[in-house]
Amino acid sequence: MKFGYFVRSTVFTYPEVRDLSIKVDNLGFDSIHVNDHFLGMDTRQDRREPMLDAIMLLTALAVETKKVKLGQIVLCNSFRNPAYLAKMISTLDNISNGRALLWIGAGWFEEEYKAYGYPFPSPKRRVDELEESLIIYKKIFTEEVTDFEGKFWKLVKHRNFPKPIQKPYPQLIVGTTGKRMIDIACREVDGVNLDLWYRPNIEELPTRIAYINERLKKHNRDPSEFEISLFAMMTLVKSQEKRDDLVERIIKSYPEGKKPTREHVLKNHYVGFPEDIKEKIKILENMGIKQIVLWLRRSDFEDSIETFSKKVM
């Protein structure tokens, strides 16, 4: 199992993100991931809080860190021309000596599109654009000269040098839980990241993974070469009282009529003692999850990140 760490590029200032990233690097995590938002992660966030640009932030962190891969959770395909994003990722890979990742999704936050002057197409159009972009990324990363004409973009004698250090290109992952995008990912890229942090349900994962494997078989892909990762919020506790309090808060966060039982939360949410979390991660690994991108919430441990690295990883 590989472990990535979600380093929020919203809320925190650059010095805070930098120091956290260096710490995560030193503790032996495999990757760090930043989000790609202009107005926060959702409608509840204060619009005056810091929100750092994902690519510029990762470029700075490439200089400050030594070993961790530099990724996103995930980039919005609509925000950057795919030919230009391929250039940016190639540059990041060279600056970091081969540590760039390209994790990307179709986009969803309408308020951000409007605030920054982007058109907000239909869901189908956004997925169509992503599908075409994935083809463009791979061509640009591997071809000396790229000529391409699709439904949305036309490239004439495009050149991208230097090429990425990683061959054939940095890991290309689609972030989604939707069936059509999973099918596209199974055909075109290196893996899929299941974004299930807000309403996790371990009991549903086997069905989702079975669908992924079905699509891989249809596209003649080797499952051993396809990475299924999970974006998961976790909370470590060291007292029964703290765990019970968190479980009650989680139950209250659900809308009326859909509130889960205490047993459901304990089974499906990642809240518990380090040994509880370690046991759940083993279950995920046995299902076929190869990487967890961790969003570690504050707990009653003085240093949750260090505790996780020593007692769970």
Protein backbone atom coordinates (compact mmCIF):
# COMPACT_ATOMS: atom_id res chain seq x y z
CA MET A 1 0.00 0.00 0.00
CA LYS A 2 1.24 3.46 -0.92
CA PHE A 3 0.32 6.50 1.16
CA GLY A 4 -0.18 10.00 -0.17
CA TYR A 5 -0.91 13.00 2.02
CA PHE A 6 -3.43 15.72 1.19
CA VAL A 7 -1.72 19.05 1.81
CA ARG A 8 -4.53 21.58 1.52
CA SER A 9 -3.71 24.48 -0.76
CA THR A 10 -6.77 26.25 0.60
CA VAL A 11 -6.98 27.71 4.13
CA PHE A 12 -3.23 27.43 4.78
CA THR A 13 -0.55 29.99 3.90
CA TYR A 14 2.47 29.00 1.83
CA PRO A 15 4.87 28.73 4.83
CA GLU A 16 2.39 26.38 6.53
CA VAL A 17 2.01 24.22 3.42
CA ARG A 18 5.78 24.20 2.85
CA ASP A 19 6.59 23.11 6.41
CA LEU A 20 3.91 20.42 6.36
CA SER A 21 5.14 19.09 3.01
CA ILE A 22 8.73 18.87 4.23
CA LYS A 23 7.52 16.98 7.29
CA VAL A 24 5.47 14.55 5.20
CA ASP A 25 8.47 14.01 2.93
CA ASN A 26 10.73 13.23 5.90
CA LEU A 27 8.18 10.81 7.41
CA GLY A 28 8.28 8.58 4.33
CA PHE A 29 4.96 9.22 2.60
CA ASP A 30 4.95 8.39 -1.10
CA SER A 31 3.31 11.58 -2.37
CA ILE A 32 1.77 14.91 -1.47
CA HIS A 33 -1.41 16.16 -3.13
CA VAL A 34 -2.83 19.67 -3.38
CA ASN A 35 -6.33 20.65 -4.45
CA ASP A 36 -7.16 22.80 -7.47
CA HIS A 37 -9.67 25.40 -6.35
CA PHE A 38 -10.09 29.15 -6.60
CA LEU A 39 -12.87 29.64 -4.03
CA GLY A 40 -12.28 26.84 -1.56
CA MET A 41 -13.27 23.19 -1.53
CA ASP A 42 -17.00 23.81 -1.26
CA THR A 43 -19.62 26.50 -0.72
CA ARG A 44 -19.05 26.55 3.05
CA GLN A 45 -15.49 27.87 2.99
CA ASP A 46 -14.72 31.52 3.74
CA ARG A 47 -13.86 33.11 0.40
CA ARG A 48 -11.23 35.34 2.07
CA GLU A 49 -9.05 32.43 3.17
CA PRO A 50 -5.78 31.70 1.32
CA MET A 51 -6.18 29.64 -1.86
CA LEU A 52 -2.89 28.87 -3.58
CA ASP A 53 -2.58 27.91 -7.24
CA ALA A 54 -1.96 24.17 -7.53
CA ILE A 55 0.75 24.13 -10.21
CA MET A 56 2.73 27.08 -8.85
CA LEU A 57 2.55 25.61 -5.35
CA LEU A 58 3.82 22.21 -6.50
CA THR A 59 6.68 23.89 -8.36
CA ALA A 60 7.77 25.61 -5.15
CA LEU A 61 7.42 22.37 -3.19
CA ALA A 62 9.55 20.57 -5.78
CA VAL A 63 12.47 22.68 -4.59
CA GLU A 64 11.68 22.22 -0.88
CA THR A 65 11.20 18.43 -0.88
CA LYS A 66 13.46 15.55 -1.87
CA LYS A 67 11.58 12.26 -2.34
CA VAL A 68 7.79 12.62 -2.41
CA LYS A 69 5.88 12.59 -5.67
CA LEU A 70 4.09 15.86 -6.37
CA GLY A 71 0.43 15.43 -7.19
CA GLN A 72 -3.05 16.89 -7.13
CA ILE A 73 -6.41 15.79 -5.80
CA VAL A 74 -7.39 16.60 -8.51
CA LEU A 75 -6.73 19.19 -11.24
CA CYS A 76 -9.77 20.64 -13.01
CA ASN A 77 -9.46 19.91 -16.72
CA SER A 78 -11.47 23.02 -17.65
CA PHE A 79 -9.05 25.48 -16.05
CA ARG A 80 -6.08 24.92 -18.39
CA ASN A 81 -5.62 24.29 -22.08
CA PRO A 82 -4.42 20.64 -22.26
CA ALA A 83 -1.43 21.49 -24.45
CA TYR A 84 -0.32 24.11 -21.94
CA LEU A 85 -0.95 21.85 -18.94
CA ALA A 86 1.22 19.17 -20.57
CA LYS A 87 4.00 21.79 -20.76
CA MET A 88 3.50 22.70 -17.09
CA ILE A 89 3.63 19.08 -15.93
CA SER A 90 6.70 18.41 -18.09
CA THR A 91 8.41 21.41 -16.51
CA LEU A 92 7.43 20.28 -13.00
CA ASP A 93 8.82 16.82 -13.72
CA ASN A 94 12.15 18.31 -14.79
CA ILE A 95 12.38 20.68 -11.83
CA SER A 96 11.58 17.85 -9.39
CA ASN A 97 13.85 15.29 -11.09
CA GLY A 98 11.00 12.98 -12.06
CA ARG A 99 8.48 13.41 -9.24
CA ALA A 100 5.47 14.97 -11.00
CA LEU A 101 2.03 13.36 -11.11
CA LEU A 102 -0.95 14.31 -13.28
CA TRP A 103 -4.20 13.52 -11.48
CA ILE A 104 -7.17 15.20 -13.13
CA GLY A 105 -10.96 15.36 -13.19
CA ALA A 106 -13.72 16.93 -15.26
CA GLY A 107 -14.55 19.79 -12.87
CA TRP A 108 -17.73 20.45 -10.90
CA PHE A 109 -17.73 23.69 -8.88
CA GLU A 110 -19.92 26.03 -10.96
CA GLU A 111 -19.33 29.07 -8.74
CA GLU A 112 -15.59 28.95 -9.48
CA TYR A 113 -16.13 28.73 -13.23
CA LYS A 114 -18.33 31.82 -13.18
CA ALA A 115 -16.08 33.78 -10.81
CA TYR A 116 -13.06 33.28 -13.08
CA GLY A 117 -14.82 33.77 -16.39
CA TYR A 118 -14.94 30.17 -17.57
CA PRO A 119 -18.05 28.82 -19.31
CA PHE A 120 -19.70 26.04 -17.31
CA PRO A 121 -20.66 23.34 -19.82
CA SER A 122 -23.00 20.43 -19.20
CA PRO A 123 -21.61 17.40 -17.32
CA LYS A 124 -21.48 15.47 -20.60
CA ARG A 125 -19.51 18.23 -22.32
CA ARG A 126 -17.04 18.45 -19.42
CA VAL A 127 -16.43 14.70 -19.54
CA ASP A 128 -16.12 14.81 -23.35
CA GLU A 129 -13.47 17.52 -23.00
CA LEU A 130 -11.59 15.50 -20.39
CA GLU A 131 -11.64 12.43 -22.61
CA GLU A 132 -10.08 14.37 -25.48
CA SER A 133 -7.56 16.02 -23.15
CA LEU A 134 -6.27 12.66 -21.91
CA ILE A 135 -5.40 11.69 -25.47
CA ILE A 136 -3.63 15.02 -25.98
CA TYR A 137 -1.56 14.67 -22.79
CA LYS A 138 -0.23 11.27 -23.82
CA LYS A 139 0.59 12.40 -27.36
CA ILE A 140 2.42 15.52 -26.23
CA PHE A 141 4.41 13.65 -23.59
CA THR A 142 5.63 11.02 -26.06
CA GLU A 143 5.70 12.54 -29.57
CA GLU A 144 8.40 14.81 -30.96
CA VAL A 145 5.83 16.76 -32.98
CA THR A 146 2.10 16.57 -32.31
CA ASP A 147 -0.60 17.30 -34.86
CA PHE A 148 -4.08 16.75 -33.47
CA GLU A 149 -7.60 17.71 -34.45
CA GLY A 150 -10.44 16.77 -32.18
CA LYS A 151 -13.85 18.11 -31.30
CA PHE A 152 -12.52 20.76 -28.90
CA TRP A 153 -8.84 21.37 -29.69
CA LYS A 154 -6.64 21.56 -32.73
CA LEU A 155 -2.83 21.42 -32.43
CA VAL A 156 -0.58 22.16 -35.39
CA LYS A 157 3.09 21.12 -35.17
CA HIS A 158 3.03 21.26 -31.38
CA ARG A 159 6.40 20.72 -29.71
CA ASN A 160 7.02 20.15 -26.02
CA PHE A 161 10.62 20.15 -24.83
CA PRO A 162 12.05 19.13 -22.51
CA LYS A 163 10.02 15.96 -22.27
CA PRO A 164 9.15 14.62 -18.81
CA ILE A 165 11.93 12.72 -17.08
CA GLN A 166 9.52 9.89 -16.24
CA LYS A 167 8.89 7.53 -19.14
CA PRO A 168 6.63 7.30 -20.96
CA TYR A 169 5.16 10.14 -18.86
CA PRO A 170 4.19 11.06 -15.27
CA GLN A 171 1.47 8.89 -13.76
CA LEU A 172 -1.86 9.92 -15.28
CA ILE A 173 -4.87 9.32 -13.01
CA VAL A 174 -8.54 10.29 -13.37
CA GLY A 175 -10.38 11.32 -10.23
CA THR A 176 -14.01 10.20 -10.29
CA THR A 177 -16.70 7.87 -9.00
CA GLY A 178 -18.86 8.08 -12.14
CA LYS A 179 -19.25 5.07 -14.42
CA ARG A 180 -18.52 6.82 -17.71
CA MET A 181 -15.35 8.45 -16.40
CA ILE A 182 -14.23 5.17 -14.85
CA ASP A 183 -14.66 3.54 -18.26
CA ILE A 184 -12.59 6.30 -19.90
CA ALA A 185 -9.91 5.91 -17.23
CA CYS A 186 -9.79 2.15 -17.73
CA ARG A 187 -9.20 2.70 -21.44
CA GLU A 188 -6.85 5.69 -21.45
CA VAL A 189 -4.83 6.18 -18.27
CA ASP A 190 -2.84 4.60 -15.44
CA GLY A 191 -5.51 4.46 -12.77
CA VAL A 192 -8.50 5.98 -11.04
CA ASN A 193 -8.82 7.85 -7.76
CA LEU A 194 -12.11 7.25 -5.98
CA ASP A 195 -13.10 10.46 -4.23
CA LEU A 196 -15.14 9.10 -1.34
CA TRP A 197 -13.84 11.18 1.56
CA TYR A 198 -17.09 12.90 2.57
CA ARG A 199 -19.48 9.94 2.75
CA PRO A 200 -17.21 6.88 2.86
CA ASN A 201 -18.76 3.43 2.63
CA ILE A 202 -16.36 0.51 2.73
CA GLU A 203 -19.27 -1.88 2.12
CA GLU A 204 -19.88 -0.33 -1.33
CA LEU A 205 -16.27 -0.51 -2.50
CA PRO A 206 -16.31 -4.13 -3.75
CA THR A 207 -19.09 -3.23 -6.21
CA ARG A 208 -17.15 -0.22 -7.49
CA ILE A 209 -13.93 -2.21 -7.80
CA ALA A 210 -15.73 -5.03 -9.60
CA TYR A 211 -16.99 -2.49 -12.16
CA ILE A 212 -13.45 -1.16 -12.65
CA ASN A 213 -12.13 -4.67 -13.23
CA GLU A 214 -14.96 -5.36 -15.67
CA ARG A 215 -14.04 -2.29 -17.73
CA LEU A 216 -10.34 -3.15 -17.60
CA LYS A 217 -11.13 -6.57 -19.03
CA LYS A 218 -13.24 -5.01 -21.79
CA HIS A 219 -10.33 -2.74 -22.77
CA ASN A 220 -7.76 -5.57 -22.54
CA ARG A 221 -5.92 -3.88 -19.68
CA ASP A 222 -3.87 -5.71 -17.07
CA PRO A 223 -5.37 -4.96 -13.60
CA SER A 224 -1.93 -5.35 -12.01
CA GLU A 225 -0.76 -2.34 -14.03
CA PHE A 226 -3.77 -0.17 -13.15
CA GLU A 227 -3.79 1.72 -9.86
CA ILE A 228 -7.00 2.12 -7.88
CA SER A 229 -6.51 4.74 -5.19
CA LEU A 230 -8.79 6.18 -2.55
CA PHE A 231 -9.09 9.72 -1.18
CA ALA A 232 -9.99 9.19 2.47
CA MET A 233 -10.47 11.41 5.50
CA MET A 234 -9.16 9.72 8.65
CA THR A 235 -9.07 10.61 12.33
CA LEU A 236 -6.85 8.92 14.90
CA VAL A 237 -7.98 8.90 18.53
CA LYS A 238 -6.43 7.63 21.74
CA SER A 239 -9.52 7.59 23.95
CA GLN A 240 -12.91 5.91 23.75
CA GLU A 241 -14.54 9.20 24.76
CA LYS A 242 -13.00 11.04 21.80
CA ARG A 243 -14.03 8.30 19.39
CA ASP A 244 -17.62 8.32 20.62
CA ASP A 245 -17.76 12.11 20.32
CA LEU A 246 -16.51 11.99 16.72
CA VAL A 247 -18.98 9.27 15.80
CA GLU A 248 -21.85 11.41 17.10
CA ARG A 249 -20.60 14.43 15.14
CA ILE A 250 -20.42 12.35 11.96
CA ILE A 251 -23.98 11.09 12.46
CA LYS A 252 -25.21 14.68 12.94
CA SER A 253 -23.49 15.79 9.72
CA TYR A 254 -25.81 13.59 7.63
CA PRO A 255 -29.13 15.09 6.44
CA GLU A 256 -32.37 14.16 8.16
CA GLY A 257 -33.74 10.87 6.92
CA LYS A 258 -30.28 9.61 5.93
CA LYS A 259 -28.52 9.52 9.28
CA PRO A 260 -26.50 6.32 9.71
CA THR A 261 -26.36 4.13 12.76
CA ARG A 262 -23.39 4.19 15.11
CA GLU A 263 -22.43 0.72 13.88
CA HIS A 264 -22.43 1.91 10.26
CA VAL A 265 -20.11 4.82 11.08
CA LEU A 266 -17.69 2.63 13.01
CA LYS A 267 -17.57 0.15 10.14
CA ASN A 268 -17.41 2.53 7.20
CA HIS A 269 -15.75 5.73 8.42
CA TYR A 270 -12.05 6.00 9.17
CA VAL A 271 -12.29 7.03 12.81
CA GLY A 272 -10.60 5.11 15.58
CA PHE A 273 -7.48 4.02 17.38
CA PRO A 274 -4.38 3.53 15.20
CA GLU A 275 -4.88 -0.24 15.27
CA ASP A 276 -8.49 0.21 14.06
CA ILE A 277 -7.36 2.33 11.12
CA LYS A 278 -4.58 -0.11 10.29
CA GLU A 279 -7.11 -2.96 10.19
CA LYS A 280 -9.40 -1.02 7.84
CA ILE A 281 -6.48 -0.22 5.55
CA LYS A 282 -5.69 -3.93 5.36
CA ILE A 283 -9.29 -4.57 4.30
CA LEU A 284 -8.94 -1.91 1.57
CA GLU A 285 -5.68 -3.45 0.39
CA ASN A 286 -7.29 -6.88 0.14
CA MET A 287 -10.06 -5.34 -1.99
CA GLY A 288 -7.51 -4.05 -4.50
CA ILE A 289 -6.85 -0.48 -3.32
CA LYS A 290 -3.18 0.27 -4.04
CA GLN A 291 -2.86 3.78 -2.63
CA ILE A 292 -4.63 5.93 -0.06
CA VAL A 293 -4.43 9.71 -0.26
CA LEU A 294 -4.93 10.65 3.34
CA TRP A 295 -6.75 13.67 4.69
CA LEU A 296 -5.85 13.48 8.37
CA ARG A 297 -8.15 15.47 10.62
CA ARG A 298 -7.03 16.95 13.91
CA SER A 299 -7.36 14.62 16.87
CA ASP A 300 -6.29 14.29 20.49
CA PHE A 301 -2.83 13.14 19.39
CA GLU A 302 -0.28 15.94 19.66
CA ASP A 303 1.11 14.94 16.25
CA SER A 304 -1.36 12.92 14.18
CA ILE A 305 0.87 12.75 11.09
CA GLU A 306 3.83 11.32 12.97
CA THR A 307 1.54 8.92 14.85
CA PHE A 308 0.07 7.70 11.57
CA SER A 309 3.51 7.19 10.02
CA LYS A 310 4.77 5.20 13.02
CA LYS A 311 1.70 3.19 14.03
CA VAL A 312 -0.32 2.77 10.83
CA MET A 313 1.93 2.91 7.76
